[in-house]
Protein backbone atom coordinates (compact mmCIF):
# COMPACT_ATOMS: atom_id res chain seq x y z
CA MET A 1 0.11 0.07 -0.06
CA ASP A 2 2.84 2.19 0.73
CA TRP A 3 4.39 1.85 -2.55
CA PHE A 4 1.03 2.38 -4.44
CA ALA A 5 0.75 5.52 -2.86
CA ARG A 6 4.65 6.68 -3.38
CA ALA A 7 3.72 5.70 -7.00
CA PHE A 8 0.96 8.46 -7.13
CA PRO A 9 2.68 10.18 -10.45
CA LEU A 10 3.49 6.83 -12.26
CA TRP A 11 -0.42 5.89 -12.04
CA ILE A 12 -1.85 9.58 -12.49
CA THR A 13 0.57 9.70 -15.70
CA LEU A 14 -1.10 6.19 -16.76
CA GLY A 15 -4.61 7.47 -16.19
CA ALA A 16 -4.06 10.28 -18.05
CA GLY A 17 -2.75 9.03 -20.97
CA LEU A 18 -4.90 6.00 -21.08
CA ALA A 19 -8.32 8.36 -20.80
CA LEU A 20 -7.18 10.41 -23.84
CA LEU A 21 -6.15 7.15 -25.74
CA HIS A 22 -9.08 5.16 -25.15
CA PRO A 23 -12.09 7.60 -22.99
CA PRO A 24 -14.18 4.58 -22.01
CA LEU A 25 -11.69 3.37 -20.06
CA PHE A 26 -12.68 6.23 -17.49
CA SER A 27 -15.51 7.95 -18.79
CA TRP A 28 -17.41 5.65 -16.75
CA PHE A 29 -16.76 7.57 -14.03
CA VAL A 30 -18.13 10.68 -14.82
CA GLU A 31 -21.18 9.31 -16.33
CA ALA A 32 -22.02 7.70 -13.09
CA GLY A 33 -21.97 10.77 -11.36
CA LEU A 34 -19.05 9.71 -9.17
CA VAL A 35 -16.95 12.08 -8.89
CA SER A 36 -18.22 14.38 -6.06
CA ILE A 37 -17.96 11.15 -3.86
CA GLY A 38 -14.89 10.30 -4.87
CA LEU A 39 -13.45 13.21 -4.25
CA GLN A 40 -15.57 13.36 -0.37
CA ILE A 41 -14.09 9.66 0.03
CA VAL A 42 -10.61 11.33 -0.52
CA MET A 43 -10.96 14.16 1.58
CA LEU A 44 -12.70 11.70 4.33
CA ALA A 45 -9.53 9.65 3.81
CA MET A 46 -7.38 12.90 4.27
CA GLY A 47 -9.00 13.34 7.14
CA LEU A 48 -8.09 10.08 9.11
CA THR A 49 -4.22 10.45 8.08
CA LEU A 50 -4.73 14.02 10.05
CA GLU A 51 -4.35 14.55 14.27
CA LEU A 52 -4.95 17.63 16.51
CA ASP A 53 -1.69 18.23 16.54
CA ASP A 54 -0.85 18.99 12.95
CA PHE A 55 -3.27 21.46 13.41
CA ARG A 56 -1.34 22.39 17.04
CA ARG A 57 2.21 22.52 15.49
CA VAL A 58 1.17 25.86 14.08
CA THR A 59 1.79 27.75 17.49
CA LYS A 60 5.30 25.84 17.00
CA THR A 61 6.39 26.65 13.86
CA PRO A 62 3.80 29.55 12.93
CA PHE A 63 6.01 32.11 10.87
CA ASP A 64 6.91 28.96 8.33
CA VAL A 65 3.36 27.91 7.65
CA ALA A 66 2.29 31.77 7.77
CA LEU A 67 4.79 31.94 4.76
CA GLY A 68 3.66 29.09 3.05
CA MET A 69 0.04 29.62 3.24
CA GLY A 70 0.48 33.20 2.13
CA LEU A 71 2.65 32.29 -0.75
CA GLN A 72 0.26 29.69 -1.62
CA PHE A 73 -3.07 31.71 -1.88
CA THR A 74 -1.01 34.56 -3.63
CA LEU A 75 1.53 33.08 -5.47
CA MET A 76 -0.08 30.55 -7.18
CA PRO A 77 -3.37 32.60 -8.26
CA LEU A 78 -0.82 35.22 -9.81
CA GLY A 79 1.09 32.67 -11.83
CA GLY A 80 -1.86 31.26 -13.19
CA LEU A 81 -3.00 34.92 -14.37
CA VAL A 82 0.57 35.03 -15.75
CA ALA A 83 0.42 32.38 -17.48
CA ALA A 84 -3.30 32.55 -18.87
CA THR A 85 -2.33 35.84 -19.91
CA ILE A 86 1.02 35.26 -22.13
CA PHE A 87 -1.02 32.12 -23.41
CA GLU A 88 -4.01 34.03 -24.20
CA LEU A 89 -6.28 31.00 -22.94
CA SER A 90 -9.82 31.08 -23.80
CA PRO A 91 -12.26 32.89 -21.19
CA PRO A 92 -13.38 29.26 -20.00
CA LEU A 93 -9.66 27.76 -19.88
CA ARG A 94 -8.34 30.79 -18.38
CA ALA A 95 -10.76 30.21 -15.79
CA GLY A 96 -10.32 26.30 -15.17
CA LEU A 97 -6.46 27.87 -14.89
CA LEU A 98 -7.15 30.41 -12.19
CA LEU A 99 -9.44 28.26 -10.10
CA VAL A 100 -6.95 25.29 -9.64
CA CYS A 101 -4.20 27.68 -8.84
CA ALA A 102 -6.42 28.79 -6.24
CA CYS A 103 -6.72 25.84 -4.59
CA PRO A 104 -5.41 24.46 -1.64
CA GLY A 105 -2.54 22.16 -1.41
CA GLY A 106 -3.26 18.55 -2.13
CA THR A 107 -1.96 15.02 -0.36
CA ALA A 108 0.06 14.28 -3.04
CA SER A 109 2.26 16.92 -1.46
CA ASN A 110 2.59 14.90 1.56
CA VAL A 111 4.28 12.34 -0.52
CA ILE A 112 6.60 14.24 -2.29
CA ALA A 113 7.68 15.93 0.90
CA TYR A 114 8.79 12.82 1.99
CA LEU A 115 10.35 11.49 -1.54
CA ALA A 116 12.31 15.06 -1.46
CA LYS A 117 13.56 14.92 2.50
CA ALA A 118 11.75 17.72 3.07
CA ASP A 119 10.22 18.39 6.37
CA VAL A 120 6.88 16.30 6.46
CA ALA A 121 5.58 17.33 9.46
CA LEU A 122 5.31 21.03 8.18
CA SER A 123 3.76 19.80 4.82
CA VAL A 124 1.12 17.77 6.59
CA THR A 125 0.44 21.03 8.63
CA MET A 126 0.45 23.44 5.56
CA THR A 127 -2.09 21.02 3.70
CA ALA A 128 -4.47 20.39 6.42
CA CYS A 129 -4.56 24.43 7.33
CA SER A 130 -4.63 25.43 3.50
CA THR A 131 -7.72 22.78 3.10
CA LEU A 132 -9.26 24.18 5.87
CA LEU A 133 -8.72 27.60 4.70
CA ALA A 134 -9.80 27.00 1.08
CA ALA A 135 -13.23 26.95 1.99
CA LEU A 136 -13.15 30.28 1.58
CA ALA A 137 -10.07 31.45 0.21
CA THR A 138 -10.38 29.18 -2.68
CA PRO A 139 -14.21 30.61 -4.20
CA ALA A 140 -13.15 33.83 -3.08
CA LEU A 141 -9.84 34.29 -5.04
CA THR A 142 -11.30 32.54 -8.20
CA LEU A 143 -14.38 35.06 -8.35
CA LEU A 144 -12.05 37.55 -7.87
CA LEU A 145 -9.63 36.61 -10.51
CA VAL A 146 -12.21 35.23 -13.08
CA GLY A 147 -14.52 37.94 -12.82
CA GLU A 148 -17.66 37.92 -15.78
CA SER A 149 -15.46 36.19 -18.16
CA VAL A 150 -17.59 33.23 -17.65
CA GLU A 151 -20.69 32.02 -16.18
CA VAL A 152 -20.38 30.77 -12.46
CA SER A 153 -22.71 30.14 -9.55
CA ALA A 154 -20.87 32.36 -6.63
CA ARG A 155 -23.10 30.34 -4.17
CA SER A 156 -22.69 27.14 -5.78
CA LEU A 157 -18.65 27.52 -5.51
CA PHE A 158 -18.66 28.69 -2.12
CA VAL A 159 -21.03 26.07 -0.61
CA GLU A 160 -19.71 23.05 -2.58
CA THR A 161 -16.07 24.00 -1.59
CA ALA A 162 -17.28 23.82 1.81
CA THR A 163 -18.92 20.36 1.35
CA LEU A 164 -16.25 18.75 -0.30
CA ILE A 165 -13.78 19.99 2.23
CA ILE A 166 -14.98 20.81 5.65
CA LEU A 167 -17.28 18.15 6.07
CA PRO A 168 -15.28 14.67 5.07
CA VAL A 169 -12.32 16.18 6.89
CA ALA A 170 -14.04 16.41 9.71
CA ALA A 171 -15.46 13.37 9.65
CA GLY A 172 -12.09 11.53 9.35
CA LEU A 173 -10.81 13.57 12.45
CA ALA A 174 -13.50 12.84 14.27
CA LEU A 175 -13.72 9.41 13.29
CA ARG A 176 -9.77 9.06 14.35
CA HIS A 177 -10.95 10.57 17.71
CA LEU A 178 -14.11 8.10 18.72
CA PHE A 179 -12.65 4.87 16.90
CA PRO A 180 -9.45 4.57 17.25
CA ARG A 181 -8.55 1.37 16.28
CA MET A 182 -10.93 1.01 13.38
CA SER A 183 -9.11 4.24 12.38
CA ALA A 184 -5.66 3.00 12.48
CA ALA A 185 -6.58 -0.09 9.99
CA LEU A 186 -8.02 2.32 7.83
CA VAL A 187 -4.97 4.06 7.69
CA ARG A 188 -3.24 2.03 6.65
CA VAL A 189 -4.75 1.85 3.15
CA SER A 190 -6.31 5.15 3.00
CA PRO A 191 -3.48 6.78 1.01
CA ALA A 192 -3.66 4.07 -1.57
CA VAL A 193 -7.48 4.85 -1.46
CA ALA A 194 -6.94 8.39 -2.25
CA VAL A 195 -4.58 7.69 -5.06
CA THR A 196 -7.30 5.67 -6.89
CA PHE A 197 -9.74 8.04 -6.86
CA VAL A 198 -7.68 10.99 -7.38
CA VAL A 199 -6.72 8.69 -10.65
CA LEU A 200 -10.18 7.82 -10.83
CA ILE A 201 -11.51 11.62 -10.90
CA VAL A 202 -8.54 13.38 -13.58
CA SER A 203 -8.60 10.71 -15.94
CA GLY A 204 -12.74 10.26 -16.20
CA ILE A 205 -12.56 13.96 -16.74
CA LEU A 206 -9.79 13.94 -19.42
CA ALA A 207 -11.88 11.02 -20.75
CA VAL A 208 -15.08 13.25 -21.38
CA ARG A 209 -13.14 16.48 -21.86
CA ARG A 210 -11.09 14.75 -24.90
CA ASP A 211 -12.35 16.30 -27.92
CA THR A 212 -11.59 20.28 -25.97
CA VAL A 213 -8.11 19.20 -24.78
CA PHE A 214 -7.42 18.54 -28.20
CA GLY A 215 -9.06 21.50 -29.56
CA ALA A 216 -6.77 23.27 -26.97
CA GLY A 217 -4.23 22.38 -28.46
CA LEU A 218 -0.66 22.09 -26.59
CA THR A 219 -1.25 26.15 -25.78
CA VAL A 220 -3.34 25.02 -22.16
CA ILE A 221 -0.58 22.24 -21.79
CA PHE A 222 1.93 24.96 -21.84
CA ALA A 223 0.00 27.45 -19.71
CA VAL A 224 -0.59 25.04 -16.85
CA VAL A 225 3.35 23.88 -17.27
CA VAL A 226 4.66 27.48 -16.93
CA ALA A 227 1.63 28.57 -14.00
CA HIS A 228 3.25 25.15 -11.75
CA GLY A 229 6.67 26.13 -12.71
CA LEU A 230 6.34 29.24 -11.12
CA GLY A 231 4.74 28.03 -8.03
CA PHE A 232 7.49 25.74 -7.89
CA PHE A 233 10.67 27.83 -8.32
CA VAL A 234 9.47 31.01 -6.88
CA ALA A 235 8.24 29.98 -3.85
CA PHE A 236 11.53 27.93 -3.32
CA VAL A 237 13.71 31.13 -4.03
CA LEU A 238 11.36 33.66 -1.72
CA ALA A 239 11.41 30.77 1.10
CA GLY A 240 14.96 30.19 0.89
CA LEU A 241 15.74 33.79 0.56
CA VAL A 242 13.89 34.09 4.05
CA ARG A 243 14.49 30.65 6.00
CA GLY A 244 17.53 29.16 4.07
CA PHE A 245 17.46 26.68 0.84
CA GLY A 246 17.18 23.66 3.19
CA ALA A 247 14.31 21.72 4.03
CA THR A 248 12.05 24.69 4.74
CA ALA A 249 11.95 25.85 1.54
CA ARG A 250 11.77 22.51 -0.25
CA THR A 251 8.26 21.81 1.90
CA ILE A 252 7.40 25.31 0.99
CA SER A 253 7.99 25.08 -2.69
CA ILE A 254 5.86 21.86 -3.23
CA GLU A 255 3.39 22.72 -1.04
CA VAL A 256 2.73 26.16 -3.51
CA GLY A 257 3.53 24.09 -6.83
CA MET A 258 1.14 20.99 -6.06
CA GLN A 259 -2.81 21.50 -5.91
CA ASN A 260 -5.83 19.64 -5.08
CA SER A 261 -6.39 19.21 -8.55
CA GLY A 262 -9.40 16.94 -7.49
CA LEU A 263 -11.10 19.39 -5.77
CA GLY A 264 -10.32 21.94 -9.01
CA ALA A 265 -11.89 19.50 -11.03
CA VAL A 266 -14.81 18.94 -9.00
CA LEU A 267 -15.56 22.68 -8.76
CA ALA A 268 -14.91 23.40 -12.09
CA THR A 269 -17.91 20.50 -13.35
CA ARG A 270 -20.51 21.30 -10.10
CA SER A 271 -20.01 25.54 -10.42
CA PHE A 272 -19.16 26.40 -13.67
CA ALA A 273 -21.55 26.03 -17.14
CA ASP A 274 -18.88 25.62 -19.69
CA PRO A 275 -17.60 22.15 -19.35
CA ALA A 276 -13.88 23.20 -20.88
CA VAL A 277 -13.45 24.89 -17.36
CA ALA A 278 -12.79 21.42 -16.18
CA VAL A 279 -9.85 20.83 -18.25
CA PRO A 280 -7.20 22.65 -16.76
CA PRO A 281 -7.48 20.77 -13.62
CA ALA A 282 -7.57 18.05 -15.09
CA ILE A 283 -4.20 18.60 -16.88
CA SER A 284 -2.55 20.41 -13.28
CA ALA A 285 -3.43 17.21 -11.96
CA VAL A 286 -0.71 15.37 -14.14
CA VAL A 287 1.92 18.17 -14.57
CA HIS A 288 2.15 18.99 -10.84
CA CYS A 289 2.69 14.93 -10.41
CA LEU A 290 5.71 15.15 -13.13
CA TYR A 291 7.47 18.46 -11.22
CA GLY A 292 7.20 17.07 -7.61
CA SER A 293 8.59 13.68 -8.87
CA ALA A 294 11.54 15.14 -10.79
CA LEU A 295 11.97 17.64 -7.62
CA ALA A 296 11.98 14.51 -5.24
CA ALA A 297 13.99 12.87 -7.19
CA HIS A 298 16.62 15.42 -7.30
CA TRP A 299 16.56 16.40 -3.25
CA SER A 300 16.26 13.02 -2.26
CA ARG A 301 19.84 13.16 -3.16
CA ARG A 302 20.75 15.94 -2.09
CA PRO A 303 20.99 16.42 2.16
CA PRO A 304 18.68 19.69 3.09
CA LEU A 305 21.04 22.58 4.43
CA THR A 306 19.76 22.39 7.90
CA GLU A 307 22.78 24.42 9.30
CA THR A 308 22.08 27.52 6.80
CA GLU A 309 18.30 27.57 8.00
CA ARG A 310 19.28 27.49 11.50
CA ALA A 311 22.16 30.52 10.65
CA THR A 312 19.57 32.06 8.33
CA ALA A 313 16.79 31.98 11.20
CA GLU A 314 18.70 33.31 14.04
CA VAL A 315 19.83 36.08 11.80
């Protein structure tokens, strides 16, 4: 199960490729109306892996968490805006890119942080905090940046975000607290379950939007690649200048660059009238996993510069 979860970038890439080659392999998941249920299962699984200590840890490293959260909800949306403008995306594709860039960090970021020898505790804390904050931040940022360029239900965007995030995560936390033995057994399989459903969600949306993806050509793919590249690189540089180019900078780079693309895809299908809005979030899931995997492979061979971090923190 552990190996299966760590191989998430492989499964998401394979799933996306197969979905575009032979859509019926995954289109059934969307056509059966299982996308929202699948995401709620993912968020429930995430809740099961969290503890109240993950939130209390904020008090121990408040500056690092605040720095990461600030970059999460400013740098990525701005990066999406820049990429959408450079590549002159159509209004629906522009809205989809801005939506996914305003999403919180996903569970895959915790796996990548572990493989990259980053600060896993900080990664989990940032993911948990950004997920809860996203109930307000994601719809607010999306509406602010998208404006009236596409038809979107503001009320639906807020309600759906809260429903898809807070309720299942809270349920997972409650189960872990009330039924520790059962939760301990579920936690062993929850990462693999989360990976499976994220792959089904992303691949399913790509399958049913195959014509839109091919119609948009490479433009939308390049835009997503640039947006995530800016997120990873600029976050690492800014965090490194403040905290040293070590484990903390690696973690913030990963958390900022990797979004909860599954959430973005579901919100796009449920709150936006144009189905093309769901395309960038689906592509994003593949792109940020490839970025994260490459960084993990690079950083895993290089121990983090903890001494530099300490010296920078003292200064």
